[in-house]
Amino acid sequence: MLTIYHNPRCSKSRQSLDLLRKSDIEPTVVEYLRTPPSADRILHIAGLLDLQVADLLRRGEDVVKNATDLPDLEDHAALAAWMQRNPKSLQRPIVVDDENGRAAVGRPPENILTLL
């Protein structure tokens, strides 16, 4: 079962979800702005992606650019907790295949095809 951390207002997120559905896959859809992943989940996803937590940060977002409380980017636990409190800062979309221990960021949306 795949899970997509989805923002319905984001074109890349909508395209990624559409790609999954066109492949006859109905993922669990988590609207992460309404239901942010926990800090532990963010750390787990970064590990699946073989990325640093800071690599999941949308640095162009106002919430990041204007943050006065952004922790040190090398403090992965603190940064993940901050991202949980500020879900707009999280890269999107992210598709996770927990069963097989894999994940992909849908930028571009075709990246998620590696999970199929």
N, C-alpha and C. Protein backbone atom coordinates (compact mmCIF):
# COMPACT_ATOMS: atom_id res chain seq x y z
N MET A 1 0.83 -1.19 0.00
CA MET A 1 0.00 0.00 0.00
C MET A 1 0.88 1.25 0.00
N LEU A 2 0.55 2.17 -0.86
CA LEU A 2 1.28 3.43 -0.95
C LEU A 2 0.52 4.53 -0.21
N THR A 3 1.28 5.45 0.33
CA THR A 3 0.72 6.64 0.97
C THR A 3 1.28 7.85 0.26
N ILE A 4 0.40 8.79 -0.07
CA ILE A 4 0.86 10.03 -0.68
C ILE A 4 0.57 11.17 0.29
N TYR A 5 1.62 11.93 0.59
CA TYR A 5 1.48 13.15 1.37
C TYR A 5 1.18 14.24 0.36
N HIS A 6 -0.08 14.67 0.36
CA HIS A 6 -0.71 15.37 -0.75
C HIS A 6 -1.22 16.74 -0.34
N ASN A 7 -1.06 17.68 -1.27
CA ASN A 7 -1.67 18.99 -1.14
C ASN A 7 -2.52 19.17 -2.40
N PRO A 8 -3.85 19.14 -2.27
CA PRO A 8 -4.70 19.22 -3.45
C PRO A 8 -4.55 20.53 -4.23
N ARG A 9 -3.96 21.56 -3.65
CA ARG A 9 -3.76 22.82 -4.35
C ARG A 9 -2.47 22.84 -5.16
N CYS A 10 -1.65 21.82 -5.02
CA CYS A 10 -0.36 21.75 -5.71
C CYS A 10 -0.50 20.92 -6.99
N SER A 11 -0.10 21.49 -8.12
CA SER A 11 -0.24 20.79 -9.40
C SER A 11 0.60 19.52 -9.45
N LYS A 12 1.82 19.56 -8.90
CA LYS A 12 2.68 18.36 -8.91
C LYS A 12 2.07 17.25 -8.05
N SER A 13 1.45 17.64 -6.96
CA SER A 13 0.80 16.67 -6.09
C SER A 13 -0.40 16.05 -6.80
N ARG A 14 -1.20 16.88 -7.45
CA ARG A 14 -2.36 16.36 -8.19
C ARG A 14 -1.91 15.45 -9.33
N GLN A 15 -0.85 15.84 -10.03
CA GLN A 15 -0.34 15.02 -11.13
C GLN A 15 0.18 13.68 -10.62
N SER A 16 0.85 13.70 -9.48
CA SER A 16 1.37 12.45 -8.90
C SER A 16 0.24 11.53 -8.50
N LEU A 17 -0.78 12.06 -7.87
CA LEU A 17 -1.94 11.26 -7.48
C LEU A 17 -2.62 10.69 -8.71
N ASP A 18 -2.74 11.50 -9.75
CA ASP A 18 -3.35 11.04 -11.00
C ASP A 18 -2.53 9.91 -11.63
N LEU A 19 -1.20 10.02 -11.60
CA LEU A 19 -0.34 8.95 -12.13
C LEU A 19 -0.56 7.64 -11.39
N LEU A 20 -0.68 7.72 -10.08
CA LEU A 20 -0.93 6.50 -9.29
C LEU A 20 -2.27 5.89 -9.69
N ARG A 21 -3.29 6.71 -9.75
CA ARG A 21 -4.63 6.21 -10.08
C ARG A 21 -4.69 5.66 -11.49
N LYS A 22 -3.98 6.26 -12.43
CA LYS A 22 -3.94 5.74 -13.80
C LYS A 22 -3.20 4.41 -13.85
N SER A 23 -2.41 4.13 -12.84
CA SER A 23 -1.70 2.84 -12.73
C SER A 23 -2.50 1.86 -11.88
N ASP A 24 -3.79 2.16 -11.67
CA ASP A 24 -4.69 1.31 -10.89
C ASP A 24 -4.24 1.15 -9.44
N ILE A 25 -3.67 2.20 -8.90
CA ILE A 25 -3.27 2.20 -7.50
C ILE A 25 -4.05 3.30 -6.80
N GLU A 26 -4.76 2.91 -5.76
CA GLU A 26 -5.48 3.89 -4.94
C GLU A 26 -4.72 4.02 -3.62
N PRO A 27 -3.88 5.04 -3.53
CA PRO A 27 -3.06 5.18 -2.33
C PRO A 27 -3.87 5.72 -1.15
N THR A 28 -3.30 5.60 0.01
CA THR A 28 -3.82 6.32 1.17
C THR A 28 -3.40 7.77 0.96
N VAL A 29 -4.37 8.66 0.98
CA VAL A 29 -4.09 10.07 0.75
C VAL A 29 -4.08 10.80 2.09
N VAL A 30 -2.96 11.40 2.40
CA VAL A 30 -2.83 12.19 3.63
C VAL A 30 -2.65 13.64 3.21
N GLU A 31 -3.66 14.45 3.48
CA GLU A 31 -3.54 15.88 3.23
C GLU A 31 -2.70 16.45 4.37
N TYR A 32 -1.41 16.55 4.13
CA TYR A 32 -0.45 16.81 5.20
C TYR A 32 -0.59 18.20 5.81
N LEU A 33 -1.26 19.14 5.13
CA LEU A 33 -1.49 20.43 5.76
C LEU A 33 -2.54 20.33 6.85
N ARG A 34 -3.47 19.38 6.69
CA ARG A 34 -4.50 19.13 7.71
C ARG A 34 -4.02 18.14 8.76
N THR A 35 -3.27 17.15 8.31
CA THR A 35 -2.78 16.08 9.18
C THR A 35 -1.28 15.92 8.94
N PRO A 36 -0.48 16.78 9.56
CA PRO A 36 0.96 16.71 9.32
C PRO A 36 1.56 15.40 9.82
N PRO A 37 2.56 14.89 9.12
CA PRO A 37 3.25 13.71 9.63
C PRO A 37 4.00 14.08 10.92
N SER A 38 4.14 13.11 11.78
CA SER A 38 4.87 13.34 13.03
C SER A 38 6.35 13.57 12.72
N ALA A 39 7.04 14.12 13.69
CA ALA A 39 8.49 14.32 13.53
C ALA A 39 9.18 12.99 13.28
N ASP A 40 8.76 11.94 13.99
CA ASP A 40 9.36 10.62 13.77
C ASP A 40 9.11 10.13 12.35
N ARG A 41 7.92 10.42 11.84
CA ARG A 41 7.58 9.99 10.48
C ARG A 41 8.44 10.77 9.47
N ILE A 42 8.64 12.04 9.70
CA ILE A 42 9.48 12.83 8.81
C ILE A 42 10.90 12.29 8.80
N LEU A 43 11.42 11.95 9.97
CA LEU A 43 12.76 11.35 10.05
C LEU A 43 12.80 10.02 9.29
N HIS A 44 11.75 9.22 9.44
CA HIS A 44 11.66 7.93 8.74
C HIS A 44 11.64 8.13 7.23
N ILE A 45 10.82 9.08 6.77
CA ILE A 45 10.71 9.34 5.34
C ILE A 45 12.06 9.82 4.79
N ALA A 46 12.73 10.69 5.50
CA ALA A 46 14.05 11.15 5.05
C ALA A 46 14.99 9.96 4.91
N GLY A 47 14.92 9.03 5.86
CA GLY A 47 15.76 7.83 5.78
C GLY A 47 15.42 6.97 4.57
N LEU A 48 14.12 6.80 4.29
CA LEU A 48 13.72 6.02 3.12
C LEU A 48 14.22 6.66 1.83
N LEU A 49 14.23 7.99 1.82
CA LEU A 49 14.68 8.72 0.63
C LEU A 49 16.20 8.85 0.57
N ASP A 50 16.88 8.44 1.64
CA ASP A 50 18.33 8.59 1.76
C ASP A 50 18.72 10.07 1.62
N LEU A 51 17.94 10.92 2.31
CA LEU A 51 18.17 12.36 2.31
C LEU A 51 18.32 12.86 3.74
N GLN A 52 18.89 14.02 3.88
CA GLN A 52 18.90 14.71 5.15
C GLN A 52 17.51 15.33 5.33
N VAL A 53 17.08 15.52 6.56
CA VAL A 53 15.78 16.15 6.81
C VAL A 53 15.73 17.51 6.13
N ALA A 54 16.82 18.24 6.14
CA ALA A 54 16.86 19.57 5.51
C ALA A 54 16.55 19.51 4.02
N ASP A 55 16.80 18.36 3.39
CA ASP A 55 16.49 18.21 1.96
C ASP A 55 14.99 18.14 1.71
N LEU A 56 14.20 17.92 2.74
CA LEU A 56 12.74 17.89 2.61
C LEU A 56 12.12 19.25 2.85
N LEU A 57 12.95 20.23 3.11
CA LEU A 57 12.51 21.58 3.42
C LEU A 57 12.29 22.37 2.13
N ARG A 58 11.12 22.97 2.02
CA ARG A 58 10.81 23.85 0.88
C ARG A 58 11.33 25.24 1.22
N ARG A 59 12.56 25.50 0.87
CA ARG A 59 13.24 26.72 1.30
C ARG A 59 12.65 27.99 0.70
N GLY A 60 11.89 27.86 -0.37
CA GLY A 60 11.28 29.03 -0.99
C GLY A 60 9.97 29.46 -0.35
N GLU A 61 9.44 28.63 0.53
CA GLU A 61 8.17 28.96 1.19
C GLU A 61 8.37 30.08 2.20
N ASP A 62 7.39 30.98 2.27
CA ASP A 62 7.47 32.09 3.23
C ASP A 62 7.65 31.61 4.65
N VAL A 63 6.99 30.49 5.00
CA VAL A 63 7.10 29.98 6.37
C VAL A 63 8.55 29.64 6.72
N VAL A 64 9.33 29.29 5.73
CA VAL A 64 10.75 28.98 5.94
C VAL A 64 11.58 30.27 5.85
N LYS A 65 11.35 31.04 4.80
CA LYS A 65 12.14 32.26 4.60
C LYS A 65 11.99 33.25 5.75
N ASN A 66 10.79 33.29 6.33
CA ASN A 66 10.51 34.27 7.39
C ASN A 66 10.60 33.70 8.79
N ALA A 67 11.02 32.45 8.90
CA ALA A 67 11.06 31.79 10.22
C ALA A 67 12.11 32.43 11.11
N THR A 68 11.71 32.69 12.32
CA THR A 68 12.65 33.20 13.33
C THR A 68 13.04 32.09 14.30
N ASP A 69 12.34 30.96 14.19
CA ASP A 69 12.58 29.86 15.12
C ASP A 69 13.08 28.59 14.42
N LEU A 70 13.55 28.73 13.19
CA LEU A 70 14.04 27.57 12.44
C LEU A 70 15.29 27.02 13.13
N PRO A 71 15.26 25.73 13.49
CA PRO A 71 16.44 25.17 14.16
C PRO A 71 17.60 24.97 13.19
N ASP A 72 18.74 24.65 13.75
CA ASP A 72 19.92 24.32 12.96
C ASP A 72 19.55 23.19 12.01
N LEU A 73 19.88 23.35 10.75
CA LEU A 73 19.50 22.36 9.73
C LEU A 73 20.18 21.02 9.95
N GLU A 74 21.24 20.98 10.73
CA GLU A 74 21.93 19.73 11.03
C GLU A 74 21.30 19.00 12.22
N ASP A 75 20.42 19.67 12.94
CA ASP A 75 19.73 19.06 14.08
C ASP A 75 18.45 18.40 13.54
N HIS A 76 18.60 17.19 13.05
CA HIS A 76 17.53 16.52 12.33
C HIS A 76 16.26 16.36 13.16
N ALA A 77 16.38 15.99 14.40
CA ALA A 77 15.20 15.79 15.25
C ALA A 77 14.47 17.11 15.47
N ALA A 78 15.23 18.16 15.76
CA ALA A 78 14.61 19.47 15.99
C ALA A 78 13.97 20.00 14.70
N LEU A 79 14.65 19.81 13.59
CA LEU A 79 14.10 20.27 12.31
C LEU A 79 12.84 19.50 11.94
N ALA A 80 12.83 18.20 12.16
CA ALA A 80 11.64 17.40 11.88
C ALA A 80 10.47 17.85 12.75
N ALA A 81 10.73 18.15 14.00
CA ALA A 81 9.68 18.64 14.90
C ALA A 81 9.17 19.99 14.41
N TRP A 82 10.08 20.86 13.97
CA TRP A 82 9.67 22.16 13.44
C TRP A 82 8.81 21.98 12.19
N MET A 83 9.20 21.05 11.32
CA MET A 83 8.44 20.80 10.10
C MET A 83 7.05 20.25 10.43
N GLN A 84 6.95 19.44 11.46
CA GLN A 84 5.64 18.94 11.87
C GLN A 84 4.75 20.12 12.27
N ARG A 85 5.30 21.10 12.97
CA ARG A 85 4.54 22.27 13.40
C ARG A 85 4.29 23.24 12.24
N ASN A 86 5.08 23.13 11.19
CA ASN A 86 4.99 24.03 10.03
C ASN A 86 4.91 23.20 8.75
N PRO A 87 3.81 22.48 8.55
CA PRO A 87 3.76 21.51 7.44
C PRO A 87 3.89 22.13 6.05
N LYS A 88 3.64 23.42 5.89
CA LYS A 88 3.85 24.05 4.58
C LYS A 88 5.31 23.97 4.15
N SER A 89 6.18 23.76 5.12
CA SER A 89 7.62 23.71 4.82
C SER A 89 8.04 22.38 4.20
N LEU A 90 7.18 21.38 4.22
CA LEU A 90 7.52 20.03 3.78
C LEU A 90 7.43 19.91 2.25
N GLN A 91 8.45 19.32 1.67
CA GLN A 91 8.46 19.02 0.24
C GLN A 91 7.21 18.23 -0.13
N ARG A 92 6.73 18.44 -1.33
CA ARG A 92 5.52 17.75 -1.76
C ARG A 92 5.58 17.46 -3.24
N PRO A 93 4.83 16.46 -3.65
CA PRO A 93 4.28 15.38 -2.82
C PRO A 93 5.35 14.35 -2.51
N ILE A 94 5.10 13.61 -1.48
CA ILE A 94 5.97 12.48 -1.14
C ILE A 94 5.10 11.24 -1.15
N VAL A 95 5.56 10.22 -1.85
CA VAL A 95 4.86 8.94 -1.89
C VAL A 95 5.73 7.93 -1.16
N VAL A 96 5.10 7.21 -0.23
CA VAL A 96 5.83 6.26 0.61
C VAL A 96 5.27 4.86 0.41
N ASP A 97 6.16 3.92 0.22
CA ASP A 97 5.83 2.49 0.15
C ASP A 97 6.46 1.85 1.38
N ASP A 98 5.70 1.86 2.49
CA ASP A 98 6.24 1.33 3.74
C ASP A 98 6.50 -0.17 3.67
N GLU A 99 5.67 -0.87 2.92
CA GLU A 99 5.81 -2.32 2.82
C GLU A 99 7.18 -2.72 2.27
N ASN A 100 7.67 -1.93 1.31
CA ASN A 100 8.95 -2.24 0.68
C ASN A 100 10.07 -1.29 1.11
N GLY A 101 9.78 -0.39 2.05
CA GLY A 101 10.80 0.50 2.57
C GLY A 101 11.36 1.46 1.55
N ARG A 102 10.46 2.08 0.77
CA ARG A 102 10.90 3.00 -0.27
C ARG A 102 10.03 4.24 -0.26
N ALA A 103 10.52 5.29 -0.87
CA ALA A 103 9.75 6.53 -1.00
C ALA A 103 10.29 7.30 -2.19
N ALA A 104 9.48 8.26 -2.66
CA ALA A 104 9.89 9.13 -3.76
C ALA A 104 9.20 10.48 -3.60
N VAL A 105 9.92 11.52 -3.99
CA VAL A 105 9.35 12.86 -4.04
C VAL A 105 8.87 13.07 -5.46
N GLY A 106 7.63 13.49 -5.61
CA GLY A 106 7.02 13.65 -6.92
C GLY A 106 7.35 14.97 -7.60
N ARG A 107 8.62 15.30 -7.65
CA ARG A 107 9.09 16.49 -8.37
C ARG A 107 10.25 16.06 -9.24
N PRO A 108 10.01 15.74 -10.48
CA PRO A 108 8.74 15.76 -11.20
C PRO A 108 7.88 14.55 -10.82
N PRO A 109 6.60 14.61 -11.17
CA PRO A 109 5.69 13.52 -10.79
C PRO A 109 6.16 12.14 -11.25
N GLU A 110 6.86 12.08 -12.35
CA GLU A 110 7.33 10.80 -12.89
C GLU A 110 8.28 10.08 -11.93
N ASN A 111 8.86 10.80 -10.98
CA ASN A 111 9.74 10.17 -9.99
C ASN A 111 9.04 9.05 -9.23
N ILE A 112 7.73 9.19 -9.03
CA ILE A 112 7.02 8.20 -8.24
C ILE A 112 6.86 6.88 -8.98
N LEU A 113 7.07 6.88 -10.28
CA LEU A 113 6.94 5.64 -11.06
C LEU A 113 7.97 4.61 -10.63
N THR A 114 9.04 5.03 -9.99
CA THR A 114 10.04 4.08 -9.50
C THR A 114 9.48 3.19 -8.41
N LEU A 115 8.37 3.60 -7.81
CA LEU A 115 7.75 2.80 -6.73
C LEU A 115 6.77 1.75 -7.27
N LEU A 116 6.44 1.85 -8.54
CA LEU A 116 5.41 0.94 -9.12
C LEU A 116 6.02 -0.34 -9.62
